[in-house]
């Protein structure tokens, strides 16, 4: 009787310890599983940001005179390429332009044309570029950009017409952002110098 009683006294704490250990182990494994999922999500997010990141290499603009004779940069081209070889659907990109007072959003016109012997700002792509952005393609080995609007290892110029509200005079600037559906946003400040001696100018990118 005493032996049975003592065994029962020992068994209760032992069972309690096992239950506590079991609960703790389950909690640890659950936390470990959650941590693993969090790390996996973080890694996937980073990979996605890197894979969809578009590098802005250069930007050029051209001055045109408006009706009152004031010269302003009304056309810009922005040289871009993927940070790493990846698949980027251009139709999923939005370009945001801000002048500090207002914001303009542009979607892809669906027009991509190969560069040719024509002067850059006289390229026929400009006839198809109104209230949207188009592409002048420099390198597209597999024609994916020209035929399907898919950028991988390509190099292209984004062509944009600036309406009066966003056209830049001397010593003015706009902020241009390339916004993908997923991943990192690329932003750059494009600015003109205090004085220009040529109609075609670098925009300080």
Foldseek 3Di string as FASTA:
>chain_A
DVVVVVVVVVVVVVVVVVVVVVVVVVVVVVVVVVVVVVVVVVVVQVVQQLQADKDFDFKKFFWDADPVGATWTFKMKTKIARNAFHKDQQQQKWKWKFQPPDIAIAGELLAEEEDDPDDPVVDPVVVSADRHKYKHWDDDPPCCCHPPVIGGGTIIIIMHGHPPVRTGHAFGWMKMWIDGPGHDIDIDIFHHHNDDPHRMGTRPD
